[in-house]
Amino acid sequence: MMFRQILAAFAAAALLSSPAAIAQESSYTYGTVWEFSYIQTEPGQFEKYLDWLSGDWRKIMELQKKEGVLVSYHVLQVNNTRNGEPDLILAAEYKDYLPTAQRVELQKKLEAMLRSDTHKEDAASGERKSLRKLAGSIELQELKLK
């Protein structure tokens, strides 16, 4: 009987010291969420599109910063573009992903600020097609190494 108890103790010790049983801490933590939008302005529309960015787009970004959702935003011009590449990249750095309820509340605040609604905003986005083409986007999350 003693032999079985000793064997069980060794088995338990072996299990607890196995790599699967020891919780290994990750070598990183999650950081901010980045969204990059690739924009190709239509010929002769660069200045008009920048006017829109300086107006309503900037207001939207600033409200998100004020609400503590957005960390930073940037408008980057791509130098020496090749055929099919964007000439602007819009970058937005968010603290984290938003839960649906918080996203809906933020949308209501944005609509109130712009005196608009989702239908009007959708139509306005379509009207901006004469100024630019959305050439793609990417969403990334920073991994902060420990």
Protein backbone atom coordinates (compact mmCIF):
# COMPACT_ATOMS: atom_id res chain seq x y z
CA MET A 1 0.00 0.00 0.00
CA MET A 2 2.84 2.38 0.82
CA PHE A 3 4.41 1.67 -2.57
CA ARG A 4 1.21 2.80 -4.36
CA GLN A 5 1.12 6.06 -2.38
CA ILE A 6 4.74 6.78 -3.19
CA LEU A 7 4.15 5.96 -6.86
CA ALA A 8 1.05 8.21 -6.89
CA ALA A 9 3.05 11.04 -5.30
CA PHE A 10 5.77 10.70 -7.96
CA ALA A 11 3.15 10.63 -10.71
CA ALA A 12 1.48 13.76 -9.34
CA ALA A 13 4.84 15.54 -9.05
CA ALA A 14 5.71 14.57 -12.61
CA LEU A 15 2.38 15.85 -13.89
CA LEU A 16 2.72 19.16 -12.06
CA SER A 17 6.24 19.72 -13.37
CA SER A 18 5.36 18.90 -17.00
CA PRO A 19 5.48 21.81 -19.49
CA ALA A 20 1.71 21.60 -20.06
CA ALA A 21 0.96 21.89 -16.36
CA ILE A 22 3.22 24.90 -15.76
CA ALA A 23 1.51 28.06 -16.98
CA GLN A 24 4.12 29.88 -19.02
CA GLU A 25 3.73 33.63 -19.14
CA SER A 26 3.61 35.12 -22.62
CA SER A 27 6.50 37.24 -23.86
CA TYR A 28 4.14 40.02 -24.98
CA THR A 29 1.03 41.98 -24.04
CA TYR A 30 -1.59 43.42 -26.34
CA GLY A 31 -1.27 47.08 -27.24
CA THR A 32 -3.26 49.55 -29.27
CA VAL A 33 -5.31 48.78 -32.37
CA TRP A 34 -4.31 50.48 -35.63
CA GLU A 35 -6.43 51.01 -38.71
CA PHE A 36 -4.88 52.10 -42.00
CA SER A 37 -7.04 53.18 -44.96
CA TYR A 38 -5.43 53.38 -48.38
CA ILE A 39 -6.78 56.29 -50.43
CA GLN A 40 -6.29 57.04 -54.12
CA THR A 41 -7.43 60.58 -54.82
CA GLU A 42 -9.02 61.14 -58.19
CA PRO A 43 -7.12 63.33 -60.66
CA GLY A 44 -7.52 66.99 -59.74
CA GLN A 45 -9.32 66.19 -56.46
CA PHE A 46 -6.42 66.01 -54.00
CA GLU A 47 -6.98 69.48 -52.50
CA LYS A 48 -10.76 69.02 -52.24
CA TYR A 49 -10.30 65.71 -50.47
CA LEU A 50 -7.80 67.25 -48.05
CA ASP A 51 -10.39 69.98 -47.39
CA TRP A 52 -12.85 67.25 -46.33
CA LEU A 53 -10.20 65.60 -44.15
CA SER A 54 -9.49 68.96 -42.50
CA GLY A 55 -13.22 69.42 -41.85
CA ASP A 56 -15.61 66.62 -40.93
CA TRP A 57 -13.03 63.81 -40.79
CA ARG A 58 -10.90 65.77 -38.34
CA LYS A 59 -13.99 66.58 -36.22
CA ILE A 60 -14.80 62.86 -36.07
CA MET A 61 -11.26 62.00 -35.02
CA GLU A 62 -11.13 64.74 -32.39
CA LEU A 63 -14.44 63.64 -30.86
CA GLN A 64 -13.12 60.09 -30.60
CA LYS A 65 -9.98 61.41 -28.88
CA LYS A 66 -12.12 63.45 -26.48
CA GLU A 67 -14.18 60.33 -25.70
CA GLY A 68 -10.98 58.43 -24.89
CA VAL A 69 -11.41 55.95 -27.73
CA LEU A 70 -8.75 57.24 -30.12
CA VAL A 71 -5.10 57.69 -29.15
CA SER A 72 -3.88 59.42 -32.33
CA TYR A 73 -4.58 59.89 -36.01
CA HIS A 74 -2.41 60.76 -38.99
CA VAL A 75 -2.69 61.64 -42.66
CA LEU A 76 0.32 60.26 -44.52
CA GLN A 77 1.21 61.11 -48.10
CA VAL A 78 2.81 58.32 -50.09
CA ASN A 79 5.82 59.62 -52.01
CA ASN A 80 6.73 58.23 -55.43
CA THR A 81 3.57 56.18 -55.90
CA ARG A 82 3.50 53.47 -58.52
CA ASN A 83 0.49 52.57 -60.63
CA GLY A 84 -2.36 51.31 -58.46
CA GLU A 85 -0.85 52.43 -55.14
CA PRO A 86 -2.57 54.88 -52.78
CA ASP A 87 -1.37 58.45 -52.58
CA LEU A 88 -2.66 58.88 -49.01
CA ILE A 89 -2.85 56.63 -45.98
CA LEU A 90 -5.17 57.53 -43.13
CA ALA A 91 -3.93 56.06 -39.86
CA ALA A 92 -5.94 55.83 -36.65
CA GLU A 93 -4.63 54.38 -33.39
CA TYR A 94 -7.35 53.17 -31.02
CA LYS A 95 -6.93 52.26 -27.35
CA ASP A 96 -8.66 48.93 -27.91
CA TYR A 97 -11.56 47.29 -29.69
CA LEU A 98 -14.91 48.79 -28.70
CA PRO A 99 -17.81 46.74 -27.37
CA THR A 100 -20.96 47.12 -29.47
CA ALA A 101 -22.84 49.20 -26.89
CA GLN A 102 -19.98 51.71 -26.64
CA ARG A 103 -19.65 51.84 -30.44
CA VAL A 104 -23.40 52.60 -30.79
CA GLU A 105 -23.18 55.39 -28.19
CA LEU A 106 -20.18 56.90 -29.96
CA GLN A 107 -22.02 56.74 -33.30
CA LYS A 108 -24.95 58.69 -31.77
CA LYS A 109 -22.56 61.38 -30.52
CA LEU A 110 -20.89 61.63 -33.94
CA GLU A 111 -24.25 61.95 -35.69
CA ALA A 112 -25.36 64.66 -33.25
CA MET A 113 -22.10 66.56 -33.76
CA LEU A 114 -22.39 66.36 -37.56
CA ARG A 115 -26.18 66.90 -37.47
CA SER A 116 -26.49 63.73 -39.50
CA ASP A 117 -27.58 60.10 -39.34
CA THR A 118 -26.37 56.79 -40.79
CA HIS A 119 -28.37 57.28 -44.01
CA LYS A 120 -26.90 60.74 -44.63
CA GLU A 121 -23.39 59.56 -43.76
CA ASP A 122 -23.69 56.63 -46.14
CA ALA A 123 -24.83 58.96 -48.93
CA ALA A 124 -22.00 61.42 -48.15
CA SER A 125 -19.47 58.60 -48.37
CA GLY A 126 -20.83 57.74 -51.82
CA GLU A 127 -20.54 61.38 -52.89
CA ARG A 128 -16.86 61.38 -51.92
CA LYS A 129 -16.26 58.81 -54.66
CA SER A 130 -15.79 61.75 -57.01
CA LEU A 131 -12.84 62.79 -54.82
CA ARG A 132 -11.23 59.47 -53.94
CA LYS A 133 -11.24 55.72 -54.18
CA LEU A 134 -10.79 53.55 -51.10
CA ALA A 135 -8.01 51.24 -52.27
CA GLY A 136 -8.13 48.99 -49.21
CA SER A 137 -7.58 48.96 -45.50
CA ILE A 138 -5.85 46.94 -42.85
CA GLU A 139 -6.36 46.57 -39.12
CA LEU A 140 -3.48 45.65 -36.82
CA GLN A 141 -2.93 45.21 -33.10
CA GLU A 142 0.38 46.05 -31.53
CA LEU A 143 2.14 43.34 -29.56
CA LYS A 144 4.31 44.88 -26.86
CA LEU A 145 7.29 42.70 -26.07
CA LYS A 146 8.12 42.20 -22.41
